[in-house]
Amino acid sequence: MAWIKTIPLDKAEGRLLELLMRQRELYPAEYAESTADVTGTDESIVQSHTLIPDAMFHAFSTFGALMSPELPLTRRQHEMIATLVSLTNDCFY
């Protein structure tokens, strides 16, 4: 759980809900599944940005565009790069 106030998806409304849904449409289908079973938590880096919906949308829709299946990298290559960057940055996510 984030240490800052967040707005969970089931409580989102108005512009926040609209932007969350638009941003999710950009992600590959396999990203729709929760990772709670694997990580033991349903924490979300996206949810930690819910107090600033426009910034959240621009930041994470960029990520969604970068994950497009039309690009030459495979999902495995994306995950490998993300893992190495997170390790280098000493980042939990």
C-alpha atoms as a PDB file:
ATOM      1  CA  MET A   1       0.000   0.000   0.000  1.00  0.00           C
ATOM      2  CA  ALA A   2       1.250   3.470  -0.863  1.00  0.00           C
ATOM      3  CA  TRP A   3       2.031   5.790   2.029  1.00  0.00           C
ATOM      4  CA  ILE A   4       0.193   8.624   0.325  1.00  0.00           C
ATOM      5  CA  LYS A   5      -3.495   9.032  -0.267  1.00  0.00           C
ATOM      6  CA  THR A   6      -4.669   7.124  -3.341  1.00  0.00           C
ATOM      7  CA  ILE A   7      -8.002   6.555  -5.018  1.00  0.00           C
ATOM      8  CA  PRO A   8      -8.691   2.883  -5.773  1.00  0.00           C
ATOM      9  CA  LEU A   9     -10.265   2.023  -9.116  1.00  0.00           C
ATOM     10  CA  ASP A  10     -13.531   0.961  -7.515  1.00  0.00           C
ATOM     11  CA  LYS A  11     -13.875   4.449  -5.976  1.00  0.00           C
ATOM     12  CA  ALA A  12     -12.678   6.452  -9.002  1.00  0.00           C
ATOM     13  CA  GLU A  13     -15.198   8.682 -10.725  1.00  0.00           C
ATOM     14  CA  GLY A  14     -15.413  11.537 -13.199  1.00  0.00           C
ATOM     15  CA  ARG A  15     -12.224  12.585 -14.985  1.00  0.00           C
ATOM     16  CA  LEU A  16     -10.053  10.184 -12.973  1.00  0.00           C
ATOM     17  CA  LEU A  17     -12.137   7.178 -13.979  1.00  0.00           C
ATOM     18  CA  GLU A  18     -12.221   8.333 -17.617  1.00  0.00           C
ATOM     19  CA  LEU A  19      -8.429   8.723 -17.750  1.00  0.00           C
ATOM     20  CA  LEU A  20      -7.789   5.423 -15.962  1.00  0.00           C
ATOM     21  CA  MET A  21      -9.929   3.606 -18.543  1.00  0.00           C
ATOM     22  CA  ARG A  22      -8.331   5.428 -21.508  1.00  0.00           C
ATOM     23  CA  GLN A  23      -4.855   4.669 -20.190  1.00  0.00           C
ATOM     24  CA  ARG A  24      -5.668   0.976 -19.656  1.00  0.00           C
ATOM     25  CA  GLU A  25      -6.828   0.616 -23.267  1.00  0.00           C
ATOM     26  CA  LEU A  26      -3.260   1.303 -24.436  1.00  0.00           C
ATOM     27  CA  TYR A  27      -1.722  -1.601 -22.553  1.00  0.00           C
ATOM     28  CA  PRO A  28      -1.340  -5.093 -24.046  1.00  0.00           C
ATOM     29  CA  ALA A  29      -4.137  -7.491 -23.054  1.00  0.00           C
ATOM     30  CA  GLU A  30      -1.964  -9.536 -20.681  1.00  0.00           C
ATOM     31  CA  TYR A  31      -1.466  -6.451 -18.501  1.00  0.00           C
ATOM     32  CA  ALA A  32      -5.164  -6.513 -17.582  1.00  0.00           C
ATOM     33  CA  GLU A  33      -4.539  -9.368 -15.136  1.00  0.00           C
ATOM     34  CA  SER A  34      -3.728  -8.526 -11.519  1.00  0.00           C
ATOM     35  CA  THR A  35      -0.294  -9.492 -10.230  1.00  0.00           C
ATOM     36  CA  ALA A  36      -1.605  -9.897  -6.673  1.00  0.00           C
ATOM     37  CA  ASP A  37      -1.293 -13.697  -6.861  1.00  0.00           C
ATOM     38  CA  VAL A  38       2.382 -13.412  -7.796  1.00  0.00           C
ATOM     39  CA  THR A  39       3.463 -10.510  -5.585  1.00  0.00           C
ATOM     40  CA  GLY A  40       1.140 -11.077  -2.643  1.00  0.00           C
ATOM     41  CA  THR A  41      -0.138  -7.512  -2.900  1.00  0.00           C
ATOM     42  CA  ASP A  42      -2.402  -5.539  -5.191  1.00  0.00           C
ATOM     43  CA  GLU A  43      -0.226  -2.405  -5.050  1.00  0.00           C
ATOM     44  CA  SER A  44      -0.213  -0.285  -8.150  1.00  0.00           C
ATOM     45  CA  ILE A  45       2.295   2.338  -9.233  1.00  0.00           C
ATOM     46  CA  VAL A  46      -0.516   3.831 -11.326  1.00  0.00           C
ATOM     47  CA  GLN A  47      -2.772   4.127  -8.268  1.00  0.00           C
ATOM     48  CA  SER A  48      -0.100   6.176  -6.502  1.00  0.00           C
ATOM     49  CA  HIS A  49      -0.666   8.864  -9.161  1.00  0.00           C
ATOM     50  CA  THR A  50      -4.456   9.089  -8.858  1.00  0.00           C
ATOM     51  CA  LEU A  51      -4.475  12.472  -7.125  1.00  0.00           C
ATOM     52  CA  ILE A  52      -3.122  14.098 -10.309  1.00  0.00           C
ATOM     53  CA  PRO A  53      -5.174  12.385 -13.060  1.00  0.00           C
ATOM     54  CA  ASP A  54      -3.796  14.346 -16.029  1.00  0.00           C
ATOM     55  CA  ALA A  55      -0.164  13.714 -15.058  1.00  0.00           C
ATOM     56  CA  MET A  56      -1.002  10.047 -14.433  1.00  0.00           C
ATOM     57  CA  PHE A  57      -2.603   9.702 -17.839  1.00  0.00           C
ATOM     58  CA  HIS A  58       0.285  11.277 -19.728  1.00  0.00           C
ATOM     59  CA  ALA A  59       2.972   9.322 -17.876  1.00  0.00           C
ATOM     60  CA  PHE A  60       1.319   5.918 -18.088  1.00  0.00           C
ATOM     61  CA  SER A  61      -0.195   6.279 -21.548  1.00  0.00           C
ATOM     62  CA  THR A  62       3.376   6.893 -22.735  1.00  0.00           C
ATOM     63  CA  PHE A  63       4.323   3.575 -21.157  1.00  0.00           C
ATOM     64  CA  GLY A  64       1.325   1.938 -22.837  1.00  0.00           C
ATOM     65  CA  ALA A  65       2.436   3.261 -26.238  1.00  0.00           C
ATOM     66  CA  LEU A  66       5.961   1.962 -25.636  1.00  0.00           C
ATOM     67  CA  MET A  67       4.555  -1.506 -24.898  1.00  0.00           C
ATOM     68  CA  SER A  68       2.665  -1.669 -28.207  1.00  0.00           C
ATOM     69  CA  PRO A  69       2.780  -5.151 -29.748  1.00  0.00           C
ATOM     70  CA  GLU A  70       3.390  -3.433 -33.099  1.00  0.00           C
ATOM     71  CA  LEU A  71       6.900  -2.451 -31.985  1.00  0.00           C
ATOM     72  CA  PRO A  72       9.871  -4.785 -32.666  1.00  0.00           C
ATOM     73  CA  LEU A  73      10.549  -5.810 -29.042  1.00  0.00           C
ATOM     74  CA  THR A  74       8.814  -8.819 -27.538  1.00  0.00           C
ATOM     75  CA  ARG A  75       7.060  -8.799 -24.173  1.00  0.00           C
ATOM     76  CA  ARG A  76       9.978 -10.764 -22.721  1.00  0.00           C
ATOM     77  CA  GLN A  77      12.447  -8.176 -23.967  1.00  0.00           C
ATOM     78  CA  HIS A  78      10.353  -5.368 -22.466  1.00  0.00           C
ATOM     79  CA  GLU A  79      10.248  -7.169 -19.110  1.00  0.00           C
ATOM     80  CA  MET A  80      13.996  -7.841 -19.208  1.00  0.00           C
ATOM     81  CA  ILE A  81      14.749  -4.160 -19.857  1.00  0.00           C
ATOM     82  CA  ALA A  82      12.301  -3.024 -17.153  1.00  0.00           C
ATOM     83  CA  THR A  83      13.815  -5.446 -14.639  1.00  0.00           C
ATOM     84  CA  LEU A  84      17.345  -4.273 -15.328  1.00  0.00           C
ATOM     85  CA  VAL A  85      16.349  -0.596 -15.100  1.00  0.00           C
ATOM     86  CA  SER A  86      14.481  -1.222 -11.824  1.00  0.00           C
ATOM     87  CA  LEU A  87      17.459  -3.119 -10.406  1.00  0.00           C
ATOM     88  CA  THR A  88      19.845  -0.360 -11.465  1.00  0.00           C
ATOM     89  CA  ASN A  89      17.594   2.255  -9.850  1.00  0.00           C
ATOM     90  CA  ASP A  90      17.078   0.112  -6.728  1.00  0.00           C
ATOM     91  CA  CYS A  91      13.343   0.300  -7.387  1.00  0.00           C
ATOM     92  CA  PHE A  92      10.765  -2.071  -5.862  1.00  0.00           C
ATOM     93  CA  TYR A  93       8.615  -1.979  -8.997  1.00  0.00           C
END
